[in-house]
Amino acid sequence: MQDHIYKVIQLVGSSEVSTDDAIKTAIARASKTLKHLRWFEVVETRGHIENERLTHFQVTLKVGFSLEER
């Protein structure tokens, strides 16, 4: 039976398009250097307002990945 043990890190993704895009951007970047990404949880969502207009989305994520067997 395989143990389900994960390491959890925190990431912040950003986008000028949407919160979904900010999440996808963060996961895509993390997957370039981390293996076995398994899940994410949105911890916080923020936005930037400039000249009375929403200009930027920022999403804080907890991301879990499984550890490699030795």
PDB file of N, CA and C in Angstrom:
ATOM      1  N   MET A   1       0.840  -1.182   0.000  1.00  0.00           N
ATOM      2  CA  MET A   1       0.000   0.000   0.000  1.00  0.00           C
ATOM      3  C   MET A   1       0.882   1.241   0.000  1.00  0.00           C
ATOM      4  N   GLN A   2       0.538   2.196  -0.815  1.00  0.00           N
ATOM      5  CA  GLN A   2       1.322   3.420  -0.938  1.00  0.00           C
ATOM      6  C   GLN A   2       0.853   4.469   0.078  1.00  0.00           C
ATOM      7  N   ASP A   3       1.810   5.075   0.776  1.00  0.00           N
ATOM      8  CA  ASP A   3       1.477   6.156   1.709  1.00  0.00           C
ATOM      9  C   ASP A   3       1.174   7.429   0.931  1.00  0.00           C
ATOM     10  N   HIS A   4       0.263   8.193   1.441  1.00  0.00           N
ATOM     11  CA  HIS A   4      -0.063   9.476   0.831  1.00  0.00           C
ATOM     12  C   HIS A   4       0.530  10.580   1.702  1.00  0.00           C
ATOM     13  N   ILE A   5       1.790  10.881   1.449  1.00  0.00           N
ATOM     14  CA  ILE A   5       2.519  11.903   2.199  1.00  0.00           C
ATOM     15  C   ILE A   5       2.842  13.029   1.226  1.00  0.00           C
ATOM     16  N   TYR A   6       2.559  14.257   1.626  1.00  0.00           N
ATOM     17  CA  TYR A   6       2.767  15.401   0.754  1.00  0.00           C
ATOM     18  C   TYR A   6       3.610  16.464   1.442  1.00  0.00           C
ATOM     19  N   LYS A   7       4.371  17.160   0.665  1.00  0.00           N
ATOM     20  CA  LYS A   7       5.024  18.388   1.109  1.00  0.00           C
ATOM     21  C   LYS A   7       4.142  19.522   0.608  1.00  0.00           C
ATOM     22  N   VAL A   8       3.968  20.551   1.425  1.00  0.00           N
ATOM     23  CA  VAL A   8       3.105  21.674   1.062  1.00  0.00           C
ATOM     24  C   VAL A   8       3.945  22.941   0.990  1.00  0.00           C
ATOM     25  N   ILE A   9       3.769  23.670  -0.107  1.00  0.00           N
ATOM     26  CA  ILE A   9       4.420  24.968  -0.256  1.00  0.00           C
ATOM     27  C   ILE A   9       3.352  26.022  -0.534  1.00  0.00           C
ATOM     28  N   GLN A  10       3.729  27.267  -0.413  1.00  0.00           N
ATOM     29  CA  GLN A  10       2.815  28.358  -0.702  1.00  0.00           C
ATOM     30  C   GLN A  10       3.336  29.133  -1.905  1.00  0.00           C
ATOM     31  N   LEU A  11       2.449  29.428  -2.845  1.00  0.00           N
ATOM     32  CA  LEU A  11       2.782  30.180  -4.049  1.00  0.00           C
ATOM     33  C   LEU A  11       1.827  31.355  -4.186  1.00  0.00           C
ATOM     34  N   VAL A  12       2.262  32.383  -4.896  1.00  0.00           N
ATOM     35  CA  VAL A  12       1.391  33.495  -5.244  1.00  0.00           C
ATOM     36  C   VAL A  12       1.454  33.656  -6.755  1.00  0.00           C
ATOM     37  N   GLY A  13       0.299  33.498  -7.400  1.00  0.00           N
ATOM     38  CA  GLY A  13       0.202  33.683  -8.847  1.00  0.00           C
ATOM     39  C   GLY A  13      -0.480  34.999  -9.140  1.00  0.00           C
ATOM     40  N   SER A  14      -0.120  35.601 -10.261  1.00  0.00           N
ATOM     41  CA  SER A  14      -0.752  36.868 -10.618  1.00  0.00           C
ATOM     42  C   SER A  14      -1.124  36.881 -12.096  1.00  0.00           C
ATOM     43  N   SER A  15      -2.111  37.701 -12.423  1.00  0.00           N
ATOM     44  CA  SER A  15      -2.586  37.800 -13.793  1.00  0.00           C
ATOM     45  C   SER A  15      -3.350  39.100 -13.973  1.00  0.00           C
ATOM     46  N   GLU A  16      -3.304  39.624 -15.166  1.00  0.00           N
ATOM     47  CA  GLU A  16      -4.130  40.777 -15.518  1.00  0.00           C
ATOM     48  C   GLU A  16      -5.464  40.329 -16.099  1.00  0.00           C
ATOM     49  N   VAL A  17      -5.640  39.002 -16.285  1.00  0.00           N
ATOM     50  CA  VAL A  17      -6.820  38.458 -16.947  1.00  0.00           C
ATOM     51  C   VAL A  17      -7.902  38.016 -15.956  1.00  0.00           C
ATOM     52  N   SER A  18      -7.534  37.106 -15.015  1.00  0.00           N
ATOM     53  CA  SER A  18      -8.526  36.550 -14.087  1.00  0.00           C
ATOM     54  C   SER A  18      -7.836  35.809 -12.948  1.00  0.00           C
ATOM     55  N   THR A  19      -8.623  35.442 -11.936  1.00  0.00           N
ATOM     56  CA  THR A  19      -8.081  34.627 -10.851  1.00  0.00           C
ATOM     57  C   THR A  19      -7.733  33.230 -11.363  1.00  0.00           C
ATOM     58  N   ASP A  20      -8.557  32.682 -12.242  1.00  0.00           N
ATOM     59  CA  ASP A  20      -8.251  31.367 -12.830  1.00  0.00           C
ATOM     60  C   ASP A  20      -6.915  31.391 -13.551  1.00  0.00           C
ATOM     61  N   ASP A  21      -6.659  32.441 -14.279  1.00  0.00           N
ATOM     62  CA  ASP A  21      -5.388  32.563 -14.999  1.00  0.00           C
ATOM     63  C   ASP A  21      -4.221  32.692 -14.021  1.00  0.00           C
ATOM     64  N   ALA A  22      -4.436  33.395 -12.928  1.00  0.00           N
ATOM     65  CA  ALA A  22      -3.391  33.527 -11.902  1.00  0.00           C
ATOM     66  C   ALA A  22      -3.053  32.160 -11.303  1.00  0.00           C
ATOM     67  N   ILE A  23      -4.066  31.331 -11.062  1.00  0.00           N
ATOM     68  CA  ILE A  23      -3.846  29.982 -10.543  1.00  0.00           C
ATOM     69  C   ILE A  23      -3.078  29.145 -11.561  1.00  0.00           C
ATOM     70  N   LYS A  24      -3.524  29.160 -12.807  1.00  0.00           N
ATOM     71  CA  LYS A  24      -2.872  28.379 -13.859  1.00  0.00           C
ATOM     72  C   LYS A  24      -1.422  28.807 -14.060  1.00  0.00           C
ATOM     73  N   THR A  25      -1.167  30.104 -13.984  1.00  0.00           N
ATOM     74  CA  THR A  25       0.189  30.622 -14.130  1.00  0.00           C
ATOM     75  C   THR A  25       1.102  30.115 -13.015  1.00  0.00           C
ATOM     76  N   ALA A  26       0.611  30.153 -11.781  1.00  0.00           N
ATOM     77  CA  ALA A  26       1.408  29.689 -10.634  1.00  0.00           C
ATOM     78  C   ALA A  26       1.701  28.197 -10.734  1.00  0.00           C
ATOM     79  N   ILE A  27       0.689  27.402 -11.081  1.00  0.00           N
ATOM     80  CA  ILE A  27       0.871  25.952 -11.191  1.00  0.00           C
ATOM     81  C   ILE A  27       1.810  25.611 -12.348  1.00  0.00           C
ATOM     82  N   ALA A  28       1.649  26.282 -13.467  1.00  0.00           N
ATOM     83  CA  ALA A  28       2.512  26.014 -14.623  1.00  0.00           C
ATOM     84  C   ALA A  28       3.970  26.323 -14.297  1.00  0.00           C
ATOM     85  N   ARG A  29       4.202  27.427 -13.607  1.00  0.00           N
ATOM     86  CA  ARG A  29       5.579  27.793 -13.259  1.00  0.00           C
ATOM     87  C   ARG A  29       6.166  26.813 -12.256  1.00  0.00           C
ATOM     88  N   ALA A  30       5.387  26.436 -11.236  1.00  0.00           N
ATOM     89  CA  ALA A  30       5.871  25.490 -10.225  1.00  0.00           C
ATOM     90  C   ALA A  30       6.185  24.134 -10.852  1.00  0.00           C
ATOM     91  N   SER A  31       5.408  23.727 -11.837  1.00  0.00           N
ATOM     92  CA  SER A  31       5.614  22.410 -12.448  1.00  0.00           C
ATOM     93  C   SER A  31       6.909  22.334 -13.262  1.00  0.00           C
ATOM     94  N   LYS A  32       7.524  23.464 -13.535  1.00  0.00           N
ATOM     95  CA  LYS A  32       8.809  23.459 -14.242  1.00  0.00           C
ATOM     96  C   LYS A  32       9.957  22.994 -13.346  1.00  0.00           C
ATOM     97  N   THR A  33       9.812  23.169 -12.028  1.00  0.00           N
ATOM     98  CA  THR A  33      10.896  22.800 -11.112  1.00  0.00           C
ATOM     99  C   THR A  33      10.487  21.775 -10.058  1.00  0.00           C
ATOM    100  N   LEU A  34       9.201  21.523  -9.893  1.00  0.00           N
ATOM    101  CA  LEU A  34       8.721  20.558  -8.910  1.00  0.00           C
ATOM    102  C   LEU A  34       8.048  19.388  -9.610  1.00  0.00           C
ATOM    103  N   LYS A  35       8.246  18.190  -9.071  1.00  0.00           N
ATOM    104  CA  LYS A  35       7.617  16.996  -9.636  1.00  0.00           C
ATOM    105  C   LYS A  35       6.460  16.555  -8.745  1.00  0.00           C
ATOM    106  N   HIS A  36       5.559  15.817  -9.323  1.00  0.00           N
ATOM    107  CA  HIS A  36       4.477  15.147  -8.600  1.00  0.00           C
ATOM    108  C   HIS A  36       3.505  16.109  -7.911  1.00  0.00           C
ATOM    109  N   LEU A  37       3.201  17.246  -8.559  1.00  0.00           N
ATOM    110  CA  LEU A  37       2.185  18.145  -8.010  1.00  0.00           C
ATOM    111  C   LEU A  37       0.858  17.391  -7.980  1.00  0.00           C
ATOM    112  N   ARG A  38       0.145  17.475  -6.871  1.00  0.00           N
ATOM    113  CA  ARG A  38      -1.078  16.682  -6.717  1.00  0.00           C
ATOM    114  C   ARG A  38      -2.336  17.503  -6.459  1.00  0.00           C
ATOM    115  N   TRP A  39      -2.226  18.605  -5.725  1.00  0.00           N
ATOM    116  CA  TRP A  39      -3.428  19.358  -5.378  1.00  0.00           C
ATOM    117  C   TRP A  39      -3.066  20.809  -5.054  1.00  0.00           C
ATOM    118  N   PHE A  40      -4.067  21.664  -5.050  1.00  0.00           N
ATOM    119  CA  PHE A  40      -3.876  23.044  -4.602  1.00  0.00           C
ATOM    120  C   PHE A  40      -5.112  23.502  -3.840  1.00  0.00           C
ATOM    121  N   GLU A  41      -4.906  24.519  -3.024  1.00  0.00           N
ATOM    122  CA  GLU A  41      -5.989  25.138  -2.262  1.00  0.00           C
ATOM    123  C   GLU A  41      -5.803  26.649  -2.347  1.00  0.00           C
ATOM    124  N   VAL A  42      -6.857  27.355  -2.715  1.00  0.00           N
ATOM    125  CA  VAL A  42      -6.791  28.814  -2.751  1.00  0.00           C
ATOM    126  C   VAL A  42      -6.927  29.321  -1.320  1.00  0.00           C
ATOM    127  N   VAL A  43      -5.918  30.069  -0.873  1.00  0.00           N
ATOM    128  CA  VAL A  43      -5.883  30.578   0.492  1.00  0.00           C
ATOM    129  C   VAL A  43      -6.395  32.017   0.551  1.00  0.00           C
ATOM    130  N   GLU A  44      -6.043  32.793  -0.451  1.00  0.00           N
ATOM    131  CA  GLU A  44      -6.398  34.215  -0.454  1.00  0.00           C
ATOM    132  C   GLU A  44      -6.487  34.718  -1.887  1.00  0.00           C
ATOM    133  N   THR A  45      -7.415  35.614  -2.128  1.00  0.00           N
ATOM    134  CA  THR A  45      -7.554  36.257  -3.435  1.00  0.00           C
ATOM    135  C   THR A  45      -7.527  37.760  -3.221  1.00  0.00           C
ATOM    136  N   ARG A  46      -6.708  38.431  -4.005  1.00  0.00           N
ATOM    137  CA  ARG A  46      -6.603  39.893  -3.925  1.00  0.00           C
ATOM    138  C   ARG A  46      -6.653  40.471  -5.329  1.00  0.00           C
ATOM    139  N   GLY A  47      -6.893  41.756  -5.383  1.00  0.00           N
ATOM    140  CA  GLY A  47      -6.864  42.450  -6.661  1.00  0.00           C
ATOM    141  C   GLY A  47      -6.289  43.843  -6.486  1.00  0.00           C
ATOM    142  N   HIS A  48      -5.845  44.385  -7.592  1.00  0.00           N
ATOM    143  CA  HIS A  48      -5.285  45.733  -7.588  1.00  0.00           C
ATOM    144  C   HIS A  48      -6.214  46.641  -8.397  1.00  0.00           C
ATOM    145  N   ILE A  49      -6.544  47.785  -7.832  1.00  0.00           N
ATOM    146  CA  ILE A  49      -7.426  48.747  -8.497  1.00  0.00           C
ATOM    147  C   ILE A  49      -6.603  49.982  -8.835  1.00  0.00           C
ATOM    148  N   GLU A  50      -6.700  50.388 -10.073  1.00  0.00           N
ATOM    149  CA  GLU A  50      -5.981  51.576 -10.534  1.00  0.00           C
ATOM    150  C   GLU A  50      -6.934  52.411 -11.372  1.00  0.00           C
ATOM    151  N   ASN A  51      -7.042  53.697 -11.048  1.00  0.00           N
ATOM    152  CA  ASN A  51      -7.966  54.599 -11.759  1.00  0.00           C
ATOM    153  C   ASN A  51      -9.380  54.024 -11.803  1.00  0.00           C
ATOM    154  N   GLU A  52      -9.828  53.527 -10.639  1.00  0.00           N
ATOM    155  CA  GLU A  52     -11.171  52.979 -10.469  1.00  0.00           C
ATOM    156  C   GLU A  52     -11.445  51.781 -11.381  1.00  0.00           C
ATOM    157  N   ARG A  53     -10.404  51.063 -11.740  1.00  0.00           N
ATOM    158  CA  ARG A  53     -10.530  49.904 -12.625  1.00  0.00           C
ATOM    159  C   ARG A  53      -9.697  48.748 -12.084  1.00  0.00           C
ATOM    160  N   LEU A  54     -10.266  47.559 -12.110  1.00  0.00           N
ATOM    161  CA  LEU A  54      -9.536  46.369 -11.689  1.00  0.00           C
ATOM    162  C   LEU A  54      -8.459  46.068 -12.727  1.00  0.00           C
ATOM    163  N   THR A  55      -7.211  46.041 -12.272  1.00  0.00           N
ATOM    164  CA  THR A  55      -6.115  45.882 -13.228  1.00  0.00           C
ATOM    165  C   THR A  55      -5.283  44.625 -13.017  1.00  0.00           C
ATOM    166  N   HIS A  56      -5.432  43.973 -11.865  1.00  0.00           N
ATOM    167  CA  HIS A  56      -4.514  42.876 -11.567  1.00  0.00           C
ATOM    168  C   HIS A  56      -5.131  41.948 -10.529  1.00  0.00           C
ATOM    169  N   PHE A  57      -5.020  40.641 -10.765  1.00  0.00           N
ATOM    170  CA  PHE A  57      -5.482  39.628  -9.816  1.00  0.00           C
ATOM    171  C   PHE A  57      -4.277  38.949  -9.200  1.00  0.00           C
ATOM    172  N   GLN A  58      -4.370  38.623  -7.913  1.00  0.00           N
ATOM    173  CA  GLN A  58      -3.305  37.924  -7.219  1.00  0.00           C
ATOM    174  C   GLN A  58      -3.942  36.856  -6.326  1.00  0.00           C
ATOM    175  N   VAL A  59      -3.469  35.607  -6.472  1.00  0.00           N
ATOM    176  CA  VAL A  59      -4.049  34.481  -5.742  1.00  0.00           C
ATOM    177  C   VAL A  59      -2.944  33.749  -4.983  1.00  0.00           C
ATOM    178  N   THR A  60      -3.149  33.569  -3.680  1.00  0.00           N
ATOM    179  CA  THR A  60      -2.214  32.797  -2.863  1.00  0.00           C
ATOM    180  C   THR A  60      -2.725  31.365  -2.782  1.00  0.00           C
ATOM    181  N   LEU A  61      -1.824  30.417  -3.060  1.00  0.00           N
ATOM    182  CA  LEU A  61      -2.182  29.001  -3.101  1.00  0.00           C
ATOM    183  C   LEU A  61      -1.317  28.193  -2.153  1.00  0.00           C
ATOM    184  N   LYS A  62      -1.890  27.157  -1.568  1.00  0.00           N
ATOM    185  CA  LYS A  62      -1.117  26.086  -0.958  1.00  0.00           C
ATOM    186  C   LYS A  62      -1.092  24.992  -2.023  1.00  0.00           C
ATOM    187  N   VAL A  63       0.090  24.460  -2.294  1.00  0.00           N
ATOM    188  CA  VAL A  63       0.239  23.415  -3.304  1.00  0.00           C
ATOM    189  C   VAL A  63       0.896  22.207  -2.653  1.00  0.00           C
ATOM    190  N   GLY A  64       0.301  21.041  -2.861  1.00  0.00           N
ATOM    191  CA  GLY A  64       0.847  19.810  -2.300  1.00  0.00           C
ATOM    192  C   GLY A  64       1.445  18.951  -3.389  1.00  0.00           C
ATOM    193  N   PHE A  65       2.607  18.377  -3.096  1.00  0.00           N
ATOM    194  CA  PHE A  65       3.204  17.436  -4.022  1.00  0.00           C
ATOM    195  C   PHE A  65       3.734  16.236  -3.250  1.00  0.00           C
ATOM    196  N   SER A  66       3.675  15.081  -3.886  1.00  0.00           N
ATOM    197  CA  SER A  66       4.137  13.867  -3.204  1.00  0.00           C
ATOM    198  C   SER A  66       5.655  13.768  -3.285  1.00  0.00           C
ATOM    199  N   LEU A  67       6.232  13.194  -2.251  1.00  0.00           N
ATOM    200  CA  LEU A  67       7.668  13.042  -2.161  1.00  0.00           C
ATOM    201  C   LEU A  67       8.090  11.756  -2.879  1.00  0.00           C
ATOM    202  N   GLU A  68       9.258  11.794  -3.506  1.00  0.00           N
ATOM    203  CA  GLU A  68       9.770  10.621  -4.203  1.00  0.00           C
ATOM    204  C   GLU A  68      10.243   9.576  -3.210  1.00  0.00           C
ATOM    205  N   GLU A  69      10.075   8.321  -3.575  1.00  0.00           N
ATOM    206  CA  GLU A  69      10.592   7.212  -2.765  1.00  0.00           C
ATOM    207  C   GLU A  69      12.094   7.190  -2.873  1.00  0.00           C
ATOM    208  N   ARG A  70      12.768   6.800  -1.825  1.00  0.00           N
ATOM    209  CA  ARG A  70      14.235   6.684  -1.855  1.00  0.00           C
ATOM    210  C   ARG A  70      14.645   5.268  -2.105  1.00  0.00           C
TER     211      ARG A  70
END
